[in-house]
Amino acid sequence: MLFRVLSWLLISILVWPVGASTLQDGIDFWHSGDRASAVAVWGPLAEQGDAEAGLFLAYAYRNGLGVERHYGLAARWYRYAAERGHPEAQYELALMYELGLGVPQDANEAAAWYGLSSAQTCPAELTAGGRLGDR
């Protein structure tokens, strides 16, 4: 765990773009193809409670974009955003539980998260990849 924290800190220091500290800055880096800088921007924002930044981090980790693919970290960030009420993160976390990606496969846990998500939005409105230009 300490290794992960120190690695995250080192990566943030090495690739942290000067003056970039908003969610939109990260999106702009992403669209320019600088995904590592986008992830470096979103990490601290997510740690400060920004659910959308957590959603984008999870998306990056799940797909191995700007970072090495890591389903466990994807599930962690989806949960982080889902617990803050983000419906897309709730849906994606449910999918992770349904498929057993980064978390133990658990149909009951998946159903619970699907239920929370669908109470707020429908799957056609889930657009993290679209907002990042990947869908």
C-alpha atoms as a PDB file:
ATOM      1  CA  MET A   1       0.000   0.000   0.000  1.00  0.00           C
ATOM      2  CA  LEU A   2       2.777   2.427   0.905  1.00  0.00           C
ATOM      3  CA  PHE A   3       4.436   1.612  -2.416  1.00  0.00           C
ATOM      4  CA  ARG A   4       1.239   2.579  -4.299  1.00  0.00           C
ATOM      5  CA  VAL A   5       0.944   5.853  -2.422  1.00  0.00           C
ATOM      6  CA  LEU A   6       4.586   6.725  -3.033  1.00  0.00           C
ATOM      7  CA  SER A   7       4.282   5.709  -6.689  1.00  0.00           C
ATOM      8  CA  TRP A   8       1.184   7.894  -7.106  1.00  0.00           C
ATOM      9  CA  LEU A   9       2.992  10.821  -5.461  1.00  0.00           C
ATOM     10  CA  LEU A  10       6.067  10.382  -7.649  1.00  0.00           C
ATOM     11  CA  ILE A  11       4.005  10.137 -10.841  1.00  0.00           C
ATOM     12  CA  SER A  12       2.013  13.209  -9.835  1.00  0.00           C
ATOM     13  CA  ILE A  13       5.182  15.201  -9.239  1.00  0.00           C
ATOM     14  CA  LEU A  14       6.823  14.081 -12.482  1.00  0.00           C
ATOM     15  CA  VAL A  15       3.874  14.648 -14.806  1.00  0.00           C
ATOM     16  CA  TRP A  16       1.863  17.295 -12.960  1.00  0.00           C
ATOM     17  CA  PRO A  17       1.220  20.062 -15.463  1.00  0.00           C
ATOM     18  CA  VAL A  18       1.875  23.520 -14.053  1.00  0.00           C
ATOM     19  CA  GLY A  19      -1.342  25.376 -13.276  1.00  0.00           C
ATOM     20  CA  ALA A  20      -3.669  22.519 -14.259  1.00  0.00           C
ATOM     21  CA  SER A  21      -6.036  21.800 -11.433  1.00  0.00           C
ATOM     22  CA  THR A  22      -9.579  21.545 -12.762  1.00  0.00           C
ATOM     23  CA  LEU A  23     -11.564  18.678 -14.148  1.00  0.00           C
ATOM     24  CA  GLN A  24     -11.697  20.479 -17.488  1.00  0.00           C
ATOM     25  CA  ASP A  25      -7.898  20.793 -17.537  1.00  0.00           C
ATOM     26  CA  GLY A  26      -7.729  17.010 -17.293  1.00  0.00           C
ATOM     27  CA  ILE A  27     -10.301  16.607 -20.062  1.00  0.00           C
ATOM     28  CA  ASP A  28      -8.311  19.002 -22.246  1.00  0.00           C
ATOM     29  CA  PHE A  29      -5.122  16.989 -21.659  1.00  0.00           C
ATOM     30  CA  TRP A  30      -7.050  13.816 -22.491  1.00  0.00           C
ATOM     31  CA  HIS A  31      -8.355  15.247 -25.768  1.00  0.00           C
ATOM     32  CA  SER A  32      -4.859  16.417 -26.727  1.00  0.00           C
ATOM     33  CA  GLY A  33      -3.631  12.831 -26.288  1.00  0.00           C
ATOM     34  CA  ASP A  34      -1.730  13.485 -23.050  1.00  0.00           C
ATOM     35  CA  ARG A  35      -3.602  10.924 -20.986  1.00  0.00           C
ATOM     36  CA  ALA A  36      -0.924  10.574 -18.320  1.00  0.00           C
ATOM     37  CA  SER A  37      -1.233  14.278 -17.495  1.00  0.00           C
ATOM     38  CA  ALA A  38      -5.019  13.965 -17.444  1.00  0.00           C
ATOM     39  CA  VAL A  39      -4.756  11.152 -14.903  1.00  0.00           C
ATOM     40  CA  ALA A  40      -2.273  13.220 -12.869  1.00  0.00           C
ATOM     41  CA  VAL A  41      -4.797  16.087 -12.766  1.00  0.00           C
ATOM     42  CA  TRP A  42      -7.781  13.904 -11.875  1.00  0.00           C
ATOM     43  CA  GLY A  43      -6.053  11.990  -9.067  1.00  0.00           C
ATOM     44  CA  PRO A  44      -5.806  14.870  -6.589  1.00  0.00           C
ATOM     45  CA  LEU A  45      -9.259  16.140  -7.574  1.00  0.00           C
ATOM     46  CA  ALA A  46     -10.758  12.731  -6.881  1.00  0.00           C
ATOM     47  CA  GLU A  47      -8.901  12.500  -3.575  1.00  0.00           C
ATOM     48  CA  GLN A  48     -10.560  15.819  -2.644  1.00  0.00           C
ATOM     49  CA  GLY A  49     -14.009  14.337  -3.300  1.00  0.00           C
ATOM     50  CA  ASP A  50     -14.657  15.107  -6.981  1.00  0.00           C
ATOM     51  CA  ALA A  51     -16.830  12.163  -8.092  1.00  0.00           C
ATOM     52  CA  GLU A  52     -16.489  12.992 -11.802  1.00  0.00           C
ATOM     53  CA  ALA A  53     -12.688  12.927 -11.502  1.00  0.00           C
ATOM     54  CA  GLY A  54     -13.000   9.542  -9.773  1.00  0.00           C
ATOM     55  CA  LEU A  55     -15.193   8.303 -12.626  1.00  0.00           C
ATOM     56  CA  PHE A  56     -12.627   9.393 -15.212  1.00  0.00           C
ATOM     57  CA  LEU A  57      -9.777   7.777 -13.241  1.00  0.00           C
ATOM     58  CA  ALA A  58     -11.727   4.537 -13.073  1.00  0.00           C
ATOM     59  CA  TYR A  59     -12.359   4.695 -16.824  1.00  0.00           C
ATOM     60  CA  ALA A  60      -8.631   5.196 -17.468  1.00  0.00           C
ATOM     61  CA  TYR A  61      -7.628   2.281 -15.219  1.00  0.00           C
ATOM     62  CA  ARG A  62     -10.307  -0.057 -16.577  1.00  0.00           C
ATOM     63  CA  ASN A  63      -9.199   0.556 -20.148  1.00  0.00           C
ATOM     64  CA  GLY A  64      -5.453   1.003 -19.585  1.00  0.00           C
ATOM     65  CA  LEU A  65      -5.453   4.518 -21.030  1.00  0.00           C
ATOM     66  CA  GLY A  66      -2.715   6.784 -19.657  1.00  0.00           C
ATOM     67  CA  VAL A  67      -2.009   4.179 -16.979  1.00  0.00           C
ATOM     68  CA  GLU A  68      -1.471   0.445 -16.886  1.00  0.00           C
ATOM     69  CA  ARG A  69      -4.781  -1.447 -16.977  1.00  0.00           C
ATOM     70  CA  HIS A  70      -5.742  -2.329 -13.428  1.00  0.00           C
ATOM     71  CA  TYR A  71      -9.244  -3.607 -12.721  1.00  0.00           C
ATOM     72  CA  GLY A  72      -8.758  -3.376  -8.964  1.00  0.00           C
ATOM     73  CA  LEU A  73      -7.971   0.343  -9.109  1.00  0.00           C
ATOM     74  CA  ALA A  74     -10.788   0.850 -11.610  1.00  0.00           C
ATOM     75  CA  ALA A  75     -13.230  -0.752  -9.189  1.00  0.00           C
ATOM     76  CA  ARG A  76     -11.827   1.314  -6.322  1.00  0.00           C
ATOM     77  CA  TRP A  77     -12.363   4.590  -8.175  1.00  0.00           C
ATOM     78  CA  TYR A  78     -15.786   3.541  -9.471  1.00  0.00           C
ATOM     79  CA  ARG A  79     -16.771   2.756  -5.871  1.00  0.00           C
ATOM     80  CA  TYR A  80     -15.371   6.087  -4.690  1.00  0.00           C
ATOM     81  CA  ALA A  81     -17.512   7.993  -7.204  1.00  0.00           C
ATOM     82  CA  ALA A  82     -20.499   5.664  -6.764  1.00  0.00           C
ATOM     83  CA  GLU A  83     -20.552   6.233  -3.015  1.00  0.00           C
ATOM     84  CA  ARG A  84     -20.731   9.951  -3.746  1.00  0.00           C
ATOM     85  CA  GLY A  85     -23.909   9.364  -5.749  1.00  0.00           C
ATOM     86  CA  HIS A  86     -22.521   9.392  -9.296  1.00  0.00           C
ATOM     87  CA  PRO A  87     -25.011   7.295 -11.354  1.00  0.00           C
ATOM     88  CA  GLU A  88     -22.555   6.327 -14.079  1.00  0.00           C
ATOM     89  CA  ALA A  89     -20.007   5.176 -11.522  1.00  0.00           C
ATOM     90  CA  GLN A  90     -22.774   3.171  -9.822  1.00  0.00           C
ATOM     91  CA  TYR A  91     -23.613   1.501 -13.135  1.00  0.00           C
ATOM     92  CA  GLU A  92     -19.965   0.760 -13.965  1.00  0.00           C
ATOM     93  CA  LEU A  93     -19.305  -0.595 -10.464  1.00  0.00           C
ATOM     94  CA  ALA A  94     -22.342  -2.856 -10.854  1.00  0.00           C
ATOM     95  CA  LEU A  95     -20.883  -4.116 -14.131  1.00  0.00           C
ATOM     96  CA  MET A  96     -17.549  -4.795 -12.427  1.00  0.00           C
ATOM     97  CA  TYR A  97     -19.374  -6.882  -9.795  1.00  0.00           C
ATOM     98  CA  GLU A  98     -21.453  -8.657 -12.423  1.00  0.00           C
ATOM     99  CA  LEU A  99     -18.350  -9.658 -14.383  1.00  0.00           C
ATOM    100  CA  GLY A 100     -15.980 -10.056 -11.435  1.00  0.00           C
ATOM    101  CA  LEU A 101     -13.493  -7.475 -12.730  1.00  0.00           C
ATOM    102  CA  GLY A 102     -11.292  -6.181  -9.897  1.00  0.00           C
ATOM    103  CA  VAL A 103     -13.850  -7.337  -7.331  1.00  0.00           C
ATOM    104  CA  PRO A 104     -15.315 -10.732  -6.457  1.00  0.00           C
ATOM    105  CA  GLN A 105     -18.178 -11.625  -8.776  1.00  0.00           C
ATOM    106  CA  ASP A 106     -21.352 -10.886  -6.827  1.00  0.00           C
ATOM    107  CA  ALA A 107     -24.804 -10.743  -8.444  1.00  0.00           C
ATOM    108  CA  ASN A 108     -26.420  -9.245  -5.330  1.00  0.00           C
ATOM    109  CA  GLU A 109     -23.896  -6.424  -5.089  1.00  0.00           C
ATOM    110  CA  ALA A 110     -24.271  -5.801  -8.828  1.00  0.00           C
ATOM    111  CA  ALA A 111     -28.051  -5.641  -8.524  1.00  0.00           C
ATOM    112  CA  ALA A 112     -27.836  -3.152  -5.666  1.00  0.00           C
ATOM    113  CA  TRP A 113     -25.570  -0.798  -7.621  1.00  0.00           C
ATOM    114  CA  TYR A 114     -27.626  -1.194 -10.813  1.00  0.00           C
ATOM    115  CA  GLY A 115     -30.699  -0.249  -8.790  1.00  0.00           C
ATOM    116  CA  LEU A 116     -29.090   2.900  -7.403  1.00  0.00           C
ATOM    117  CA  SER A 117     -27.920   3.929 -10.853  1.00  0.00           C
ATOM    118  CA  SER A 118     -31.180   3.264 -12.653  1.00  0.00           C
ATOM    119  CA  ALA A 119     -33.085   5.301 -10.075  1.00  0.00           C
ATOM    120  CA  GLN A 120     -31.153   8.351 -11.336  1.00  0.00           C
ATOM    121  CA  THR A 121     -30.538   7.759 -15.053  1.00  0.00           C
ATOM    122  CA  CYS A 122     -30.797   5.230 -17.863  1.00  0.00           C
ATOM    123  CA  PRO A 123     -27.796   3.420 -19.406  1.00  0.00           C
ATOM    124  CA  ALA A 124     -28.100   5.395 -22.663  1.00  0.00           C
ATOM    125  CA  GLU A 125     -27.196   8.521 -20.678  1.00  0.00           C
ATOM    126  CA  LEU A 126     -23.923   7.066 -19.385  1.00  0.00           C
ATOM    127  CA  THR A 127     -21.291   8.900 -21.361  1.00  0.00           C
ATOM    128  CA  ALA A 128     -17.882   9.069 -19.644  1.00  0.00           C
ATOM    129  CA  GLY A 129     -16.208   7.548 -22.682  1.00  0.00           C
ATOM    130  CA  GLY A 130     -18.132   9.871 -24.970  1.00  0.00           C
ATOM    131  CA  ARG A 131     -17.173  12.934 -22.968  1.00  0.00           C
ATOM    132  CA  LEU A 132     -13.549  11.848 -23.239  1.00  0.00           C
ATOM    133  CA  GLY A 133     -13.921  11.218 -26.985  1.00  0.00           C
ATOM    134  CA  ASP A 134     -13.396   7.463 -26.733  1.00  0.00           C
ATOM    135  CA  ARG A 135     -16.866   6.268 -27.832  1.00  0.00           C
END
